Amino acid sequence: MYVQMKHSIIINLFTLLYFKSIYLYVNEVLSLGSAALLTAVGRAAD
């Protein structure tokens, strides 16, 4: 029982880390994308 609990805690930690890295990656891509979009729009406006 104890070992199983420990195991699920480790799995939960890995799942959290996994989702956090995905979230950070998506966040990064979105901010880069919007920045690129803004510069493109700015250049088009010029």
PDB file of N, CA and C in Angstrom:
ATOM      1  N   MET A   1       0.850  -1.205   0.000  1.00  0.00           N
ATOM      2  CA  MET A   1       0.000   0.000   0.000  1.00  0.00           C
ATOM      3  C   MET A   1       0.882   1.251   0.000  1.00  0.00           C
ATOM      4  N   TYR A   2       1.858   1.257   0.885  1.00  0.00           N
ATOM      5  CA  TYR A   2       2.746   2.427   0.978  1.00  0.00           C
ATOM      6  C   TYR A   2       3.525   2.637  -0.324  1.00  0.00           C
ATOM      7  N   VAL A   3       4.047   1.519  -0.845  1.00  0.00           N
ATOM      8  CA  VAL A   3       4.818   1.594  -2.091  1.00  0.00           C
ATOM      9  C   VAL A   3       3.944   2.103  -3.231  1.00  0.00           C
ATOM     10  N   GLN A   4       2.721   1.627  -3.274  1.00  0.00           N
ATOM     11  CA  GLN A   4       1.792   2.049  -4.330  1.00  0.00           C
ATOM     12  C   GLN A   4       1.512   3.553  -4.230  1.00  0.00           C
ATOM     13  N   MET A   5       1.347   4.034  -3.006  1.00  0.00           N
ATOM     14  CA  MET A   5       1.094   5.454  -2.780  1.00  0.00           C
ATOM     15  C   MET A   5       2.288   6.275  -3.259  1.00  0.00           C
ATOM     16  N   LYS A   6       3.484   5.824  -2.880  1.00  0.00           N
ATOM     17  CA  LYS A   6       4.702   6.504  -3.274  1.00  0.00           C
ATOM     18  C   LYS A   6       4.797   6.555  -4.799  1.00  0.00           C
ATOM     19  N   HIS A   7       4.466   5.447  -5.422  1.00  0.00           N
ATOM     20  CA  HIS A   7       4.516   5.321  -6.873  1.00  0.00           C
ATOM     21  C   HIS A   7       3.574   6.329  -7.532  1.00  0.00           C
ATOM     22  N   SER A   8       2.366   6.427  -7.028  1.00  0.00           N
ATOM     23  CA  SER A   8       1.385   7.342  -7.632  1.00  0.00           C
ATOM     24  C   SER A   8       1.792   8.792  -7.410  1.00  0.00           C
ATOM     25  N   ILE A   9       2.449   9.081  -6.279  1.00  0.00           N
ATOM     26  CA  ILE A   9       2.933  10.441  -6.023  1.00  0.00           C
ATOM     27  C   ILE A   9       3.984  10.806  -7.070  1.00  0.00           C
ATOM     28  N   ILE A  10       4.888   9.860  -7.348  1.00  0.00           N
ATOM     29  CA  ILE A  10       5.928  10.091  -8.356  1.00  0.00           C
ATOM     30  C   ILE A  10       5.296  10.309  -9.730  1.00  0.00           C
ATOM     31  N   ILE A  11       4.308   9.498 -10.057  1.00  0.00           N
ATOM     32  CA  ILE A  11       3.609   9.636 -11.340  1.00  0.00           C
ATOM     33  C   ILE A  11       2.922  11.005 -11.423  1.00  0.00           C
ATOM     34  N   ASN A  12       2.297  11.413 -10.330  1.00  0.00           N
ATOM     35  CA  ASN A  12       1.640  12.725 -10.298  1.00  0.00           C
ATOM     36  C   ASN A  12       2.644  13.849 -10.508  1.00  0.00           C
ATOM     37  N   LEU A  13       3.806  13.733  -9.880  1.00  0.00           N
ATOM     38  CA  LEU A  13       4.848  14.748 -10.038  1.00  0.00           C
ATOM     39  C   LEU A  13       5.293  14.842 -11.494  1.00  0.00           C
ATOM     40  N   PHE A  14       5.516  13.675 -12.105  1.00  0.00           N
ATOM     41  CA  PHE A  14       5.938  13.664 -13.504  1.00  0.00           C
ATOM     42  C   PHE A  14       4.866  14.251 -14.411  1.00  0.00           C
ATOM     43  N   THR A  15       3.611  13.920 -14.113  1.00  0.00           N
ATOM     44  CA  THR A  15       2.503  14.446 -14.911  1.00  0.00           C
ATOM     45  C   THR A  15       2.442  15.965 -14.789  1.00  0.00           C
ATOM     46  N   LEU A  16       2.611  16.464 -13.564  1.00  0.00           N
ATOM     47  CA  LEU A  16       2.609  17.909 -13.341  1.00  0.00           C
ATOM     48  C   LEU A  16       3.741  18.583 -14.106  1.00  0.00           C
ATOM     49  N   LEU A  17       4.937  17.997 -14.010  1.00  0.00           N
ATOM     50  CA  LEU A  17       6.090  18.561 -14.711  1.00  0.00           C
ATOM     51  C   LEU A  17       5.857  18.568 -16.219  1.00  0.00           C
ATOM     52  N   TYR A  18       5.282  17.477 -16.709  1.00  0.00           N
ATOM     53  CA  TYR A  18       5.010  17.328 -18.135  1.00  0.00           C
ATOM     54  C   TYR A  18       4.054  18.411 -18.616  1.00  0.00           C
ATOM     55  N   PHE A  19       2.949  18.572 -17.877  1.00  0.00           N
ATOM     56  CA  PHE A  19       1.968  19.584 -18.268  1.00  0.00           C
ATOM     57  C   PHE A  19       2.533  20.985 -18.127  1.00  0.00           C
ATOM     58  N   LYS A  20       3.359  21.192 -17.097  1.00  0.00           N
ATOM     59  CA  LYS A  20       3.952  22.502 -16.891  1.00  0.00           C
ATOM     60  C   LYS A  20       4.877  22.853 -18.050  1.00  0.00           C
ATOM     61  N   SER A  21       5.672  21.876 -18.503  1.00  0.00           N
ATOM     62  CA  SER A  21       6.584  22.144 -19.608  1.00  0.00           C
ATOM     63  C   SER A  21       5.816  22.420 -20.897  1.00  0.00           C
ATOM     64  N   ILE A  22       4.724  21.683 -21.109  1.00  0.00           N
ATOM     65  CA  ILE A  22       3.883  21.926 -22.286  1.00  0.00           C
ATOM     66  C   ILE A  22       3.295  23.332 -22.218  1.00  0.00           C
ATOM     67  N   TYR A  23       2.795  23.701 -21.033  1.00  0.00           N
ATOM     68  CA  TYR A  23       2.201  25.016 -20.844  1.00  0.00           C
ATOM     69  C   TYR A  23       3.227  26.112 -21.113  1.00  0.00           C
ATOM     70  N   LEU A  24       4.435  25.943 -20.562  1.00  0.00           N
ATOM     71  CA  LEU A  24       5.483  26.938 -20.762  1.00  0.00           C
ATOM     72  C   LEU A  24       5.867  27.040 -22.235  1.00  0.00           C
ATOM     73  N   TYR A  25       5.950  25.875 -22.894  1.00  0.00           N
ATOM     74  CA  TYR A  25       6.313  25.843 -24.313  1.00  0.00           C
ATOM     75  C   TYR A  25       5.268  26.574 -25.152  1.00  0.00           C
ATOM     76  N   VAL A  26       3.997  26.261 -24.898  1.00  0.00           N
ATOM     77  CA  VAL A  26       2.899  26.897 -25.637  1.00  0.00           C
ATOM     78  C   VAL A  26       2.895  28.403 -25.382  1.00  0.00           C
ATOM     79  N   ASN A  27       3.111  28.771 -24.123  1.00  0.00           N
ATOM     80  CA  ASN A  27       3.164  30.177 -23.744  1.00  0.00           C
ATOM     81  C   ASN A  27       4.254  30.902 -24.524  1.00  0.00           C
ATOM     82  N   GLU A  28       5.439  30.274 -24.578  1.00  0.00           N
ATOM     83  CA  GLU A  28       6.588  30.837 -25.286  1.00  0.00           C
ATOM     84  C   GLU A  28       6.273  31.014 -26.765  1.00  0.00           C
ATOM     85  N   VAL A  29       5.732  29.963 -27.370  1.00  0.00           N
ATOM     86  CA  VAL A  29       5.400  29.990 -28.797  1.00  0.00           C
ATOM     87  C   VAL A  29       4.369  31.075 -29.087  1.00  0.00           C
ATOM     88  N   LEU A  30       3.358  31.168 -28.220  1.00  0.00           N
ATOM     89  CA  LEU A  30       2.310  32.165 -28.424  1.00  0.00           C
ATOM     90  C   LEU A  30       2.863  33.576 -28.303  1.00  0.00           C
ATOM     91  N   SER A  31       3.706  33.820 -27.303  1.00  0.00           N
ATOM     92  CA  SER A  31       4.254  35.163 -27.128  1.00  0.00           C
ATOM     93  C   SER A  31       5.187  35.509 -28.284  1.00  0.00           C
ATOM     94  N   LEU A  32       5.971  34.531 -28.737  1.00  0.00           N
ATOM     95  CA  LEU A  32       6.844  34.762 -29.891  1.00  0.00           C
ATOM     96  C   LEU A  32       6.007  35.026 -31.136  1.00  0.00           C
ATOM     97  N   GLY A  33       4.955  34.237 -31.308  1.00  0.00           N
ATOM     98  CA  GLY A  33       4.084  34.383 -32.463  1.00  0.00           C
ATOM     99  C   GLY A  33       3.397  35.735 -32.490  1.00  0.00           C
ATOM    100  N   SER A  34       2.891  36.171 -31.336  1.00  0.00           N
ATOM    101  CA  SER A  34       2.199  37.459 -31.291  1.00  0.00           C
ATOM    102  C   SER A  34       3.189  38.600 -31.499  1.00  0.00           C
ATOM    103  N   ALA A  35       4.418  38.455 -31.001  1.00  0.00           N
ATOM    104  CA  ALA A  35       5.443  39.475 -31.208  1.00  0.00           C
ATOM    105  C   ALA A  35       5.786  39.577 -32.692  1.00  0.00           C
ATOM    106  N   ALA A  36       5.933  38.429 -33.346  1.00  0.00           N
ATOM    107  CA  ALA A  36       6.229  38.407 -34.780  1.00  0.00           C
ATOM    108  C   ALA A  36       5.076  39.019 -35.567  1.00  0.00           C
ATOM    109  N   LEU A  37       3.868  38.704 -35.133  1.00  0.00           N
ATOM    110  CA  LEU A  37       2.678  39.233 -35.792  1.00  0.00           C
ATOM    111  C   LEU A  37       2.633  40.758 -35.656  1.00  0.00           C
ATOM    112  N   LEU A  38       2.941  41.250 -34.458  1.00  0.00           N
ATOM    113  CA  LEU A  38       2.941  42.692 -34.217  1.00  0.00           C
ATOM    114  C   LEU A  38       3.981  43.393 -35.081  1.00  0.00           C
ATOM    115  N   THR A  39       5.171  42.820 -35.186  1.00  0.00           N
ATOM    116  CA  THR A  39       6.200  43.444 -36.022  1.00  0.00           C
ATOM    117  C   THR A  39       5.782  43.428 -37.481  1.00  0.00           C
ATOM    118  N   ALA A  40       5.159  42.329 -37.919  1.00  0.00           N
ATOM    119  CA  ALA A  40       4.695  42.231 -39.302  1.00  0.00           C
ATOM    120  C   ALA A  40       3.635  43.295 -39.574  1.00  0.00           C
ATOM    121  N   VAL A  41       2.699  43.439 -38.637  1.00  0.00           N
ATOM    122  CA  VAL A  41       1.640  44.444 -38.785  1.00  0.00           C
ATOM    123  C   VAL A  41       2.244  45.846 -38.767  1.00  0.00           C
ATOM    124  N   GLY A  42       3.225  46.049 -37.879  1.00  0.00           N
ATOM    125  CA  GLY A  42       3.894  47.348 -37.791  1.00  0.00           C
ATOM    126  C   GLY A  42       4.601  47.698 -39.087  1.00  0.00           C
ATOM    127  N   ARG A  43       5.261  46.706 -39.683  1.00  0.00           N
ATOM    128  CA  ARG A  43       5.959  46.931 -40.955  1.00  0.00           C
ATOM    129  C   ARG A  43       4.960  47.211 -42.072  1.00  0.00           C
ATOM    130  N   ALA A  44       3.839  46.491 -42.036  1.00  0.00           N
ATOM    131  CA  ALA A  44       2.810  46.677 -43.058  1.00  0.00           C
ATOM    132  C   ALA A  44       2.212  48.079 -42.936  1.00  0.00           C
ATOM    133  N   ALA A  45       2.077  48.560 -41.697  1.00  0.00           N
ATOM    134  CA  ALA A  45       1.511  49.888 -41.464  1.00  0.00           C
ATOM    135  C   ALA A  45       2.462  50.963 -41.978  1.00  0.00           C
ATOM    136  N   ASP A  46       3.776  50.700 -41.876  1.00  0.00           N
ATOM    137  CA  ASP A  46       4.753  51.647 -42.410  1.00  0.00           C
ATOM    138  C   ASP A  46       4.698  51.587 -43.934  1.00  0.00           C
TER     139      ASP A  46
END
